[in-house]
Protein backbone atom coordinates (compact mmCIF):
# COMPACT_ATOMS: atom_id res chain seq x y z
CA MET A 1 -13.81 -22.13 68.40
CA ALA A 2 -17.23 -21.47 66.91
CA TYR A 3 -15.85 -20.04 63.68
CA LEU A 4 -13.78 -23.20 63.13
CA ASP A 5 -16.84 -25.46 63.62
CA GLN A 6 -18.76 -23.36 61.11
CA MET A 7 -15.95 -23.56 58.58
CA LEU A 8 -15.57 -27.33 58.98
CA THR A 9 -19.31 -27.88 58.55
CA LYS A 10 -19.26 -25.69 55.46
CA ALA A 11 -16.30 -27.62 54.04
CA LYS A 12 -18.00 -31.02 54.58
CA GLU A 13 -21.24 -29.91 52.94
CA ALA A 14 -19.60 -28.39 49.87
CA PRO A 15 -19.54 -30.55 46.73
CA ASN A 16 -16.19 -31.70 45.47
CA VAL A 17 -16.13 -29.90 42.12
CA PRO A 18 -13.33 -30.57 39.63
CA THR A 19 -10.88 -27.67 39.59
CA GLY A 20 -9.66 -25.55 36.72
CA PRO A 21 -10.60 -25.30 33.05
CA LYS A 22 -10.25 -28.48 31.04
CA ASN A 23 -7.15 -28.91 28.96
CA ALA A 24 -7.40 -28.96 25.20
CA PRO A 25 -7.33 -32.39 23.56
CA GLU A 26 -3.87 -33.75 22.94
CA GLY A 27 -2.40 -33.05 19.55
CA GLN A 28 -3.83 -29.55 19.17
CA LYS A 29 -1.43 -27.83 21.53
CA VAL A 30 2.23 -27.33 20.68
CA LEU A 31 4.72 -26.41 23.39
CA ILE A 32 6.68 -23.36 22.23
CA ASP A 33 8.46 -22.32 25.42
CA SER A 34 8.98 -23.28 29.06
CA TYR A 35 10.81 -21.74 32.00
CA ASP A 36 10.57 -22.23 35.76
CA ALA A 37 7.07 -23.70 36.27
CA VAL A 38 5.65 -22.00 33.16
CA LYS A 39 4.69 -23.71 29.90
CA ILE A 40 3.56 -21.72 26.86
CA TYR A 41 1.62 -23.40 24.05
CA ARG A 42 0.23 -22.59 20.63
CA ASP A 43 -3.24 -23.96 20.00
CA SER A 44 -4.75 -23.99 16.52
CA ARG A 45 -8.13 -23.08 18.01
CA GLU A 46 -6.86 -20.07 19.99
CA ALA A 47 -6.11 -16.56 18.75
CA VAL A 48 -3.36 -16.09 21.35
CA PRO A 49 -0.79 -18.39 23.00
CA LEU A 50 -1.71 -20.29 26.17
CA TYR A 51 0.18 -19.73 29.42
CA GLU A 52 -0.08 -22.66 31.81
CA ILE A 53 1.18 -23.16 35.34
CA GLU A 54 0.38 -25.64 38.07
CA ALA A 55 -1.90 -23.17 39.81
CA PRO A 56 -4.75 -24.66 41.84
CA HIS A 57 -8.26 -23.36 41.24
CA PHE A 58 -9.82 -23.66 44.64
CA ARG A 59 -13.46 -24.68 44.80
CA GLY A 60 -15.61 -26.75 47.09
CA GLU A 61 -13.82 -28.47 49.99
CA GLU A 62 -10.40 -27.08 49.05
CA LYS A 63 -11.61 -23.50 49.12
CA ASN A 64 -13.48 -23.88 52.39
CA LEU A 65 -10.57 -25.61 54.07
CA ILE A 66 -8.26 -22.77 53.00
CA GLU A 67 -10.76 -20.23 54.35
CA ALA A 68 -10.87 -22.14 57.66
CA LEU A 69 -7.07 -22.08 57.88
CA MET A 70 -7.01 -18.37 57.08
CA GLU A 71 -9.60 -17.71 59.78
CA ILE A 72 -7.47 -19.52 62.36
CA ALA A 73 -4.25 -17.91 61.14
CA LEU A 74 -5.66 -14.39 61.41
CA ASN A 75 -6.57 -15.09 65.02
CA VAL A 76 -3.39 -16.77 66.18
CA ILE A 77 -0.50 -15.47 64.07
CA THR A 78 1.22 -12.56 65.79
CA VAL A 79 4.25 -12.22 63.56
CA GLU A 80 5.65 -8.69 63.78
CA ALA A 81 5.62 -8.16 60.01
CA SER A 82 6.32 -4.43 59.71
CA ALA A 83 10.12 -4.86 59.55
CA LEU A 84 10.06 -8.00 57.41
CA THR A 85 10.53 -8.27 53.68
CA VAL A 86 7.77 -9.93 51.67
CA GLU A 87 9.87 -13.09 51.32
CA GLU A 88 10.60 -13.18 55.05
CA LYS A 89 6.91 -12.69 55.77
CA ARG A 90 6.05 -15.58 53.45
CA GLN A 91 8.47 -17.89 55.26
CA LYS A 92 7.21 -16.91 58.74
CA TYR A 93 3.57 -17.38 57.77
CA PHE A 94 4.31 -20.69 56.07
CA GLN A 95 5.98 -22.07 59.20
CA ARG A 96 3.16 -20.93 61.46
CA ILE A 97 0.44 -22.36 59.21
CA ILE A 98 2.21 -25.73 59.09
CA GLU A 99 2.17 -25.65 62.90
CA ILE A 100 -1.55 -24.77 62.88
CA ILE A 101 -2.30 -27.74 60.60
CA GLU A 102 -0.33 -30.10 62.85
CA GLN A 103 -1.98 -28.74 66.02
CA THR A 104 -5.52 -28.88 64.57
CA PRO A 105 -6.16 -32.52 63.58
CA GLU A 106 -9.91 -31.87 63.36
CA LEU A 107 -9.23 -30.06 60.06
CA LYS A 108 -8.30 -33.47 58.62
CA VAL A 109 -5.66 -32.05 56.29
CA PRO A 110 -3.99 -35.00 54.49
CA VAL A 111 -0.41 -35.51 55.62
CA ASN A 112 0.90 -35.26 52.08
CA ALA A 113 -1.05 -32.01 51.48
CA LYS A 114 0.22 -29.91 54.39
CA GLU A 115 2.60 -27.84 52.28
CA PHE A 116 0.00 -27.45 49.52
CA TYR A 117 -2.52 -25.88 51.89
CA ALA A 118 0.08 -23.86 53.79
CA LYS A 119 1.35 -22.38 50.54
CA ALA A 120 -2.20 -21.59 49.38
CA VAL A 121 -2.97 -19.76 52.64
CA VAL A 122 0.29 -17.78 52.44
CA GLN A 123 -0.58 -16.74 48.88
CA GLU A 124 -3.94 -15.47 50.10
CA MET A 125 -2.60 -13.67 53.17
CA VAL A 126 0.70 -12.28 51.92
CA GLY A 127 0.46 -12.48 48.13
CA TYR A 128 -2.25 -12.21 45.49
CA GLY A 129 -4.02 -15.51 45.86
CA ILE A 130 -4.26 -17.69 42.78
CA ILE A 131 -2.47 -15.09 40.61
CA ASP A 132 0.45 -14.90 43.04
CA VAL A 133 2.64 -17.01 40.74
CA LEU A 134 1.98 -14.57 37.90
CA THR A 135 3.13 -11.61 39.97
CA GLN A 136 6.48 -13.33 40.47
CA ASP A 137 7.08 -13.98 36.75
CA ASP A 138 9.45 -11.24 35.58
CA GLN A 139 8.57 -12.01 31.94
CA LEU A 140 5.10 -10.51 32.40
CA GLU A 141 4.31 -6.83 31.94
CA GLU A 142 0.62 -6.90 32.72
CA ILE A 143 -1.84 -9.19 34.53
CA MET A 144 -5.49 -8.71 33.56
CA ILE A 145 -8.45 -10.12 35.47
CA ILE A 146 -11.51 -9.42 33.33
CA GLY A 147 -14.25 -11.08 35.39
CA SER A 148 -15.46 -14.33 36.89
CA ASN A 149 -15.63 -17.52 34.78
CA LYS A 150 -13.25 -15.92 32.31
CA PRO A 151 -9.55 -16.72 31.92
CA VAL A 152 -6.99 -14.32 33.34
CA TYR A 153 -4.91 -12.72 30.57
CA VAL A 154 -1.30 -11.57 30.76
CA TYR A 155 0.91 -9.45 28.52
CA HIS A 156 4.16 -11.36 28.02
CA ARG A 157 7.39 -9.56 27.16
CA LYS A 158 8.07 -12.10 24.39
CA TYR A 159 4.65 -13.43 23.31
CA ASP A 160 2.47 -10.32 23.79
CA MET A 161 -1.13 -11.02 24.84
CA VAL A 162 -1.47 -14.52 26.30
CA LYS A 163 -4.37 -16.44 27.89
CA THR A 164 -3.66 -18.29 31.12
CA ASN A 165 -5.22 -21.40 32.65
CA ILE A 166 -6.18 -19.38 35.75
CA MET A 167 -9.82 -18.49 36.31
CA TYR A 168 -11.93 -16.98 39.08
CA TYR A 169 -15.29 -18.67 39.55
CA ALA A 170 -16.97 -16.00 41.70
CA ASP A 171 -16.92 -12.22 41.39
CA SER A 172 -16.71 -12.02 45.18
CA ASP A 173 -13.21 -13.56 45.03
CA ILE A 174 -12.03 -10.85 42.63
CA ARG A 175 -13.72 -8.18 44.72
CA ASN A 176 -12.00 -9.48 47.87
CA LEU A 177 -8.63 -9.19 46.12
CA ALA A 178 -9.44 -5.63 45.00
CA ASP A 179 -10.45 -4.70 48.57
CA ARG A 180 -7.27 -6.23 49.96
CA ILE A 181 -5.10 -4.33 47.46
CA ALA A 182 -6.93 -1.07 48.25
CA ARG A 183 -6.40 -1.52 52.00
CA ALA A 184 -2.68 -2.16 51.43
CA VAL A 185 -2.34 1.38 50.03
CA ASN A 186 -4.78 3.02 52.48
CA ARG A 187 -7.41 3.45 49.83
CA ARG A 188 -10.84 1.98 49.29
CA ILE A 189 -12.99 0.81 46.41
CA ASP A 190 -16.76 0.84 46.84
CA LEU A 191 -19.94 2.25 45.31
CA GLN A 192 -18.85 5.80 46.12
CA THR A 193 -15.36 5.29 44.66
CA PRO A 194 -15.72 2.46 42.09
CA LEU A 195 -12.29 3.14 40.55
CA LEU A 196 -8.91 2.39 42.08
CA ASP A 197 -5.66 3.61 40.53
CA ALA A 198 -2.62 3.24 42.75
CA ARG A 199 0.94 2.05 43.19
CA LEU A 200 1.67 -0.87 45.49
CA PRO A 201 4.67 -0.92 47.86
CA ASP A 202 6.63 -3.15 45.45
CA GLY A 203 6.14 -0.62 42.62
CA THR A 204 3.37 -2.52 40.82
CA ARG A 205 0.67 -0.27 39.34
CA VAL A 206 -2.87 -1.40 39.96
CA ASN A 207 -6.16 -0.37 38.41
CA ALA A 208 -9.42 -1.89 39.61
CA THR A 209 -13.07 -1.28 38.74
CA ILE A 210 -16.31 -2.59 40.22
CA PRO A 211 -19.95 -2.48 39.08
CA PRO A 212 -21.71 -0.38 37.98
CA ILE A 213 -18.60 1.06 36.27
CA SER A 214 -17.56 -2.33 34.86
CA LEU A 215 -20.77 -3.98 33.73
CA ASP A 216 -19.66 -7.62 33.88
CA GLY A 217 -18.14 -7.56 37.34
CA THR A 218 -14.92 -6.60 39.09
CA THR A 219 -11.77 -6.11 37.00
CA ILE A 220 -8.16 -5.80 38.13
CA THR A 221 -5.18 -4.81 36.00
CA LEU A 222 -1.67 -5.07 37.45
CA ARG A 223 1.24 -3.48 35.59
CA LYS A 224 4.51 -5.02 36.70
CA PHE A 225 7.98 -3.60 36.28
CA LYS A 226 11.14 -5.58 35.75
CA LYS A 227 13.21 -6.17 38.85
CA ASP A 228 16.18 -5.78 36.54
CA PRO A 229 15.33 -2.71 34.37
CA LEU A 230 16.36 -2.55 30.74
CA SER A 231 19.59 -0.69 30.00
CA VAL A 232 20.63 1.18 26.88
CA VAL A 233 22.58 -1.94 25.82
CA ASP A 234 19.39 -4.03 26.10
CA LEU A 235 17.46 -1.56 23.97
CA ALA A 236 20.19 -1.50 21.32
CA ASN A 237 20.41 -5.31 21.30
CA TYR A 238 16.62 -5.58 20.95
CA GLY A 239 16.74 -3.19 17.99
CA THR A 240 14.72 -0.50 19.78
CA LEU A 241 17.35 2.00 18.63
CA SER A 242 20.82 1.85 17.10
CA TYR A 243 24.04 2.07 19.06
CA GLU A 244 24.87 5.30 17.22
CA ALA A 245 21.53 6.89 18.15
CA ALA A 246 22.04 5.71 21.74
CA ALA A 247 25.49 7.33 21.80
CA PHE A 248 23.99 10.59 20.50
CA LEU A 249 21.35 10.54 23.24
CA TRP A 250 24.03 9.74 25.81
CA MET A 251 25.97 12.83 24.76
CA ALA A 252 22.80 14.95 24.64
CA SER A 253 21.75 13.78 28.11
CA ASP A 254 25.00 14.66 29.85
CA GLY A 255 25.75 17.60 27.54
CA ILE A 256 29.47 16.88 28.06
CA GLY A 257 28.94 18.58 31.41
CA ALA A 258 28.15 21.90 29.76
CA TYR A 259 24.84 21.99 27.88
CA PRO A 260 22.47 19.03 28.44
CA ALA A 261 19.51 18.83 26.08
CA ASN A 262 15.93 19.39 27.18
CA ALA A 263 14.13 16.34 25.82
CA LEU A 264 10.72 14.67 25.70
CA VAL A 265 9.99 11.03 24.96
CA ALA A 266 6.71 10.81 23.02
CA GLY A 267 4.60 7.80 22.12
CA GLY A 268 1.39 5.90 22.71
CA THR A 269 0.22 3.85 25.66
CA ALA A 270 2.59 0.99 26.58
CA SER A 271 5.00 2.00 23.80
CA GLY A 272 7.99 2.06 26.16
CA LYS A 273 8.15 5.77 27.04
CA THR A 274 9.07 5.21 30.69
CA THR A 275 11.77 2.68 29.76
CA ALA A 276 13.26 5.17 27.28
CA LEU A 277 13.10 7.97 29.88
CA ASN A 278 14.78 5.67 32.40
CA MET A 279 17.56 5.11 29.84
CA LEU A 280 18.03 8.85 29.24
CA THR A 281 18.02 9.72 32.93
CA GLY A 282 20.60 7.01 33.59
CA PHE A 283 23.07 9.10 31.57
CA VAL A 284 22.79 12.04 33.99
CA PRO A 285 26.14 12.61 35.77
CA ASN A 286 26.24 11.46 39.38
CA ASN A 287 27.44 14.86 40.58
CA GLU A 288 24.03 16.36 39.75
CA ARG A 289 20.90 16.61 41.93
CA VAL A 290 18.01 14.87 40.20
CA ILE A 291 14.34 15.33 41.13
CA THR A 292 11.77 13.03 39.52
CA ILE A 293 8.06 13.82 39.60
CA GLU A 294 5.58 11.11 38.63
CA ASP A 295 1.90 10.39 38.74
CA THR A 296 2.76 6.80 39.68
CA ALA A 297 6.41 6.16 40.55
CA GLU A 298 7.95 3.94 37.85
CA LEU A 299 11.49 5.19 37.23
CA ASN A 300 14.36 3.04 38.52
CA LEU A 301 17.60 4.99 38.37
CA PRO A 302 21.15 4.07 39.42
CA LEU A 303 21.82 7.64 40.61
CA GLN A 304 23.26 8.79 43.92
CA HIS A 305 21.59 12.18 44.46
CA TRP A 306 18.03 11.32 43.47
CA ILE A 307 14.82 12.62 45.07
CA ARG A 308 11.58 10.86 44.08
CA MET A 309 8.23 12.61 44.32
CA GLU A 310 4.77 11.27 43.55
CA VAL A 311 1.40 13.02 43.29
CA ARG A 312 -1.26 12.47 45.93
CA PRO A 313 -4.88 12.06 44.81
CA PRO A 314 -7.67 13.82 46.71
CA SER A 315 -9.23 12.10 49.71
CA ILE A 316 -12.79 10.80 49.77
CA GLU A 317 -13.84 14.28 50.91
CA GLY A 318 -12.09 15.82 47.90
CA THR A 319 -9.28 17.45 49.90
CA GLY A 320 -5.54 16.99 50.29
CA GLU A 321 -4.65 16.62 46.60
CA VAL A 322 -1.05 17.33 45.60
CA SER A 323 -0.92 17.69 41.82
CA MET A 324 1.90 17.24 39.34
CA ASP A 325 2.01 21.00 38.87
CA ASP A 326 2.33 21.52 42.65
CA LEU A 327 5.32 19.17 42.71
CA VAL A 328 7.02 20.77 39.68
CA LYS A 329 6.65 24.21 41.28
CA ASN A 330 7.99 22.87 44.57
CA SER A 331 10.95 21.21 42.85
CA LEU A 332 12.11 24.62 41.59
CA ARG A 333 12.69 25.60 45.23
CA MET A 334 14.87 22.53 45.86
CA ARG A 335 17.94 23.63 43.87
CA PRO A 336 17.59 20.93 41.21
CA ASP A 337 20.18 20.27 38.54
CA ARG A 338 17.66 18.07 36.70
CA ILE A 339 13.88 17.99 36.75
CA ILE A 340 12.33 14.81 35.33
CA VAL A 341 8.55 14.78 34.83
CA GLY A 342 7.14 11.30 34.37
CA GLU A 343 4.25 12.34 32.15
CA VAL A 344 3.28 15.81 30.93
CA ARG A 345 -0.50 16.11 30.73
CA GLY A 346 -1.63 19.49 32.06
CA ALA A 347 -0.53 22.63 33.87
CA GLU A 348 2.75 21.01 34.93
CA GLY A 349 3.84 21.26 31.28
CA HIS A 350 3.61 25.06 31.40
CA THR A 351 5.58 25.14 34.66
CA MET A 352 8.18 22.75 33.23
CA PHE A 353 8.73 24.90 30.15
CA ALA A 354 8.90 27.99 32.34
CA ALA A 355 11.76 26.26 34.19
CA MET A 356 13.50 25.54 30.88
CA ASN A 357 13.20 29.20 29.95
CA THR A 358 14.72 30.35 33.24
CA GLY A 359 17.97 28.46 32.83
CA HIS A 360 17.22 24.87 33.87
CA ARG A 361 18.95 22.46 31.49
CA GLY A 362 18.53 18.73 30.96
CA VAL A 363 14.82 18.79 31.81
CA MET A 364 13.18 15.56 30.59
CA GLY A 365 9.77 13.90 30.55
CA THR A 366 7.24 11.93 28.52
CA VAL A 367 4.10 12.90 26.65
CA HIS A 368 1.39 11.00 24.79
CA ALA A 369 1.63 11.72 21.06
CA ASN A 370 1.81 9.87 17.74
CA SER A 371 4.49 11.95 16.01
CA ALA A 372 7.05 14.65 16.74
CA LYS A 373 4.85 17.23 15.02
CA GLU A 374 1.82 16.18 17.05
CA THR A 375 3.94 16.51 20.19
CA LEU A 376 4.41 20.23 19.55
CA VAL A 377 0.69 20.63 18.81
CA ARG A 378 -0.23 18.87 22.08
CA LEU A 379 2.19 21.00 24.07
CA THR A 380 0.75 24.24 22.74
CA SER A 381 -2.91 23.17 23.05
CA PRO A 382 -5.16 22.86 26.12
CA PRO A 383 -4.76 21.57 28.77
CA ILE A 384 -0.95 21.96 28.60
CA ASP A 385 -0.99 25.37 26.89
CA VAL A 386 2.73 26.08 26.57
CA PRO A 387 3.20 29.48 24.83
CA LEU A 388 4.91 29.36 21.45
CA SER A 389 7.62 31.65 22.82
CA MET A 390 8.65 28.88 25.26
CA ILE A 391 8.54 25.87 22.92
CA SER A 392 11.96 26.62 21.43
CA SER A 393 13.59 25.78 24.79
CA LEU A 394 12.87 22.10 23.96
CA ASN A 395 15.78 20.54 22.08
CA LEU A 396 14.85 16.94 21.28
CA ILE A 397 11.76 14.77 20.78
CA ILE A 398 12.34 11.01 20.90
CA MET A 399 9.43 9.14 19.30
CA ILE A 400 8.89 5.56 20.41
CA ASN A 401 6.14 3.27 19.12
CA ARG A 402 4.85 -0.23 19.69
CA ILE A 403 4.47 -1.76 16.24
CA HIS A 404 3.05 -5.04 15.03
CA ASP A 405 5.57 -6.41 12.57
CA ARG A 406 4.32 -9.28 10.39
CA ARG A 407 7.71 -11.00 10.71
CA LYS A 408 8.55 -10.38 14.37
CA GLY A 409 5.22 -9.72 16.04
CA ALA A 410 4.90 -6.81 18.45
CA ILE A 411 8.09 -4.74 18.63
CA ARG A 412 9.02 -1.43 20.22
CA ARG A 413 11.07 0.98 18.16
CA VAL A 414 12.39 4.51 18.48
CA THR A 415 11.02 5.61 15.13
CA GLU A 416 12.39 9.13 15.12
CA ILE A 417 14.76 11.43 16.96
CA ALA A 418 13.84 14.96 15.97
CA GLU A 419 15.23 18.27 17.12
CA VAL A 420 13.33 21.51 17.59
CA VAL A 421 14.74 24.34 15.50
CA PRO A 422 13.61 27.76 16.79
CA SER A 423 11.87 30.14 14.42
CA ASP A 424 10.09 33.47 14.81
CA GLU A 425 8.53 33.72 18.30
CA LEU A 426 5.05 34.01 16.83
CA LYS A 427 5.40 30.81 14.79
CA MET A 428 5.62 27.13 15.62
CA PRO A 429 9.26 25.97 15.64
CA THR A 430 10.29 23.66 12.84
CA LEU A 431 11.37 20.04 13.31
CA GLN A 432 14.40 18.35 11.86
CA THR A 433 14.81 14.58 11.95
CA LEU A 434 18.30 13.44 12.96
CA TYR A 435 17.66 9.69 13.17
CA GLN A 436 14.91 7.76 11.37
CA TRP A 437 13.75 4.17 11.64
CA ASP A 438 13.63 2.20 8.38
CA PRO A 439 10.66 -0.22 8.71
CA ILE A 440 11.74 -2.39 5.77
CA ALA A 441 15.25 -3.12 7.04
CA ASP A 442 14.20 -2.64 10.69
CA VAL A 443 17.21 -0.43 11.42
CA MET A 444 17.67 3.15 12.60
CA ARG A 445 19.78 5.41 10.42
CA ALA A 446 21.17 8.91 10.75
CA THR A 447 19.69 11.31 8.22
CA GLY A 448 22.98 13.21 7.84
CA LEU A 449 21.34 16.60 8.38
CA PRO A 450 23.45 19.14 10.28
CA SER A 451 22.22 19.26 13.87
CA PHE A 452 21.14 22.56 15.40
CA TYR A 453 21.62 21.11 18.90
CA LEU A 454 25.23 20.14 18.10
CA GLN A 455 25.85 23.75 17.08
CA LEU A 456 24.59 24.88 20.48
CA LEU A 457 26.70 22.22 22.21
CA SER A 458 29.72 23.38 20.22
CA LYS A 459 29.14 26.94 21.44
CA TYR A 460 29.05 25.94 25.12
CA THR A 461 31.84 23.34 25.06
CA GLY A 462 34.28 25.01 22.69
CA LEU A 463 34.42 21.84 20.60
CA SER A 464 33.81 21.90 16.86
CA THR A 465 30.90 19.97 15.36
CA ASP A 466 33.49 17.61 13.85
CA ASP A 467 34.86 17.01 17.36
CA LEU A 468 31.33 16.32 18.60
CA ASN A 469 30.67 13.86 15.77
CA GLN A 470 33.92 12.08 16.69
CA GLU A 471 32.68 12.00 20.27
CA ILE A 472 29.51 10.22 19.10
CA ILE A 473 31.65 7.65 17.24
CA LYS A 474 33.79 7.08 20.35
CA ARG A 475 30.73 6.59 22.56
CA THR A 476 29.15 4.29 19.97
CA LYS A 477 32.20 2.02 20.17
CA ILE A 478 32.01 1.96 23.98
CA LEU A 479 28.35 0.87 23.93
CA GLU A 480 29.01 -1.69 21.17
CA GLN A 481 31.87 -3.15 23.23
CA LEU A 482 29.56 -3.48 26.24
CA GLY A 483 27.11 -5.34 24.01
CA LYS A 484 29.81 -7.68 22.71
CA GLU A 485 30.98 -8.44 26.24
CA GLY A 486 27.42 -9.14 27.38
CA LYS A 487 27.51 -6.35 29.97
CA ARG A 488 23.90 -5.19 30.00
CA ASN A 489 22.96 -4.73 33.67
CA ILE A 490 21.86 -1.11 34.14
CA ASN A 491 24.22 -0.57 37.07
CA ASP A 492 27.21 -1.94 35.15
CA VAL A 493 26.37 0.12 32.06
CA CYS A 494 25.86 3.31 34.06
CA ASN A 495 29.16 2.80 35.87
CA VAL A 496 30.89 2.81 32.48
CA THR A 497 29.01 5.88 31.18
CA GLN A 498 29.52 7.76 34.47
CA ASN A 499 33.23 6.97 34.63
CA TYR A 500 33.69 7.99 31.01
CA LEU A 501 32.28 11.45 31.63
CA ALA A 502 34.28 11.83 34.86
CA SER A 503 37.52 10.91 33.06
CA ARG A 504 36.63 13.33 30.27
CA ARG A 505 36.16 16.15 32.78
CA LEU A 506 39.57 15.41 34.26
CA LYS A 507 41.18 15.63 30.80
CA VAL A 508 39.51 18.97 30.12
């Protein structure tokens, strides 16, 4: 095998360079957390915490030996991987590479290092190489590769921005990873298309850039989503919103089976809009047909009759695009009970509001905005351009923000639940705040103002507003009891909320 001889020669000639960035001197780092193989430190010289794992940084002989093993593996492994899960594929490849090492003594792999090299090759072939361990850490929201000879950064669910001890030493290694990711989703990244924005089969969102767009080399940003999504009980326990506000949104989302609210979750980038929308959609009764439309599929719903749709970007030739607006229009022909739009940014907003105005209830989505008032301005301005006469079909705006609290660090809070109160058709509707976050006490409180939406709900259910307020109290107690019992899994929580509404329908 000529390629093997070349690889072995290359490996022998390469200098044995020490691997990985040097650790900080003892006494300056303080261990603040550890789990699995992860250790997190505070260092007086660093602006952010340090995230350390036993991740090899392959250079010199190690790197060339791994490349030689990969070259052999690609030529001899014939595992039928299409029907295998990622974990099954990892196990199959690992076994075969161990066999290759044992059957190729000329590689001179140390006996006690067989598993080390087999695992490294599997990470390169099946996973994400040296950042593979990061992709399997469910405590991470984002993995950020910013260039060669620079540390990889991660956004941790507890410690916010964190610097890792992982580093790429050559831009070509980052570029190879970007190419491999692009091929996995039938896309490409090159000089003609230097930007990649896609969703991987496991749901991870990926954004990659190459020069000349990114001046200092290739960058890759991976946005991970929790395997176990946050439930309404989690959000209440974290202080994102109060149990009472959650109960109100629960009632507004199902509309007691009669008049669900049309609602938008508004906020900035990475504020938690999708998580909040996932919570709201989880309240939708299971006897309804739900269609979700997203730019990049992120929602994870425990619903039975759920159809997921995702936009398709144009091809290299500029053809074949299926836009958000195309999908919203198509969904209207699918007899939907609920239309959920992942993010309202353009013409799809007009179509969505047209659906609201033609009798569709319980329509929900997200929008980028910094306040409830700004949300209305964005909706009525280009490129969304919803006519003022349609805006009044929106019932609720849930504002969520990521805030840096001097006591608690970065926190996510629903800062306002406002309702849209219709006015003259030629004027902007007014807003009324029903629940407001108190930043000093870090709690959400009801404002006590009479709700216009509850008046509408009263009209369609035949219940008085006092009855509806009692319903909120009853649902608050149910959610609080779930919290006390530690029942926070989204499937368990939704079973309770679904069964409650079903039992209520039977009583009626």
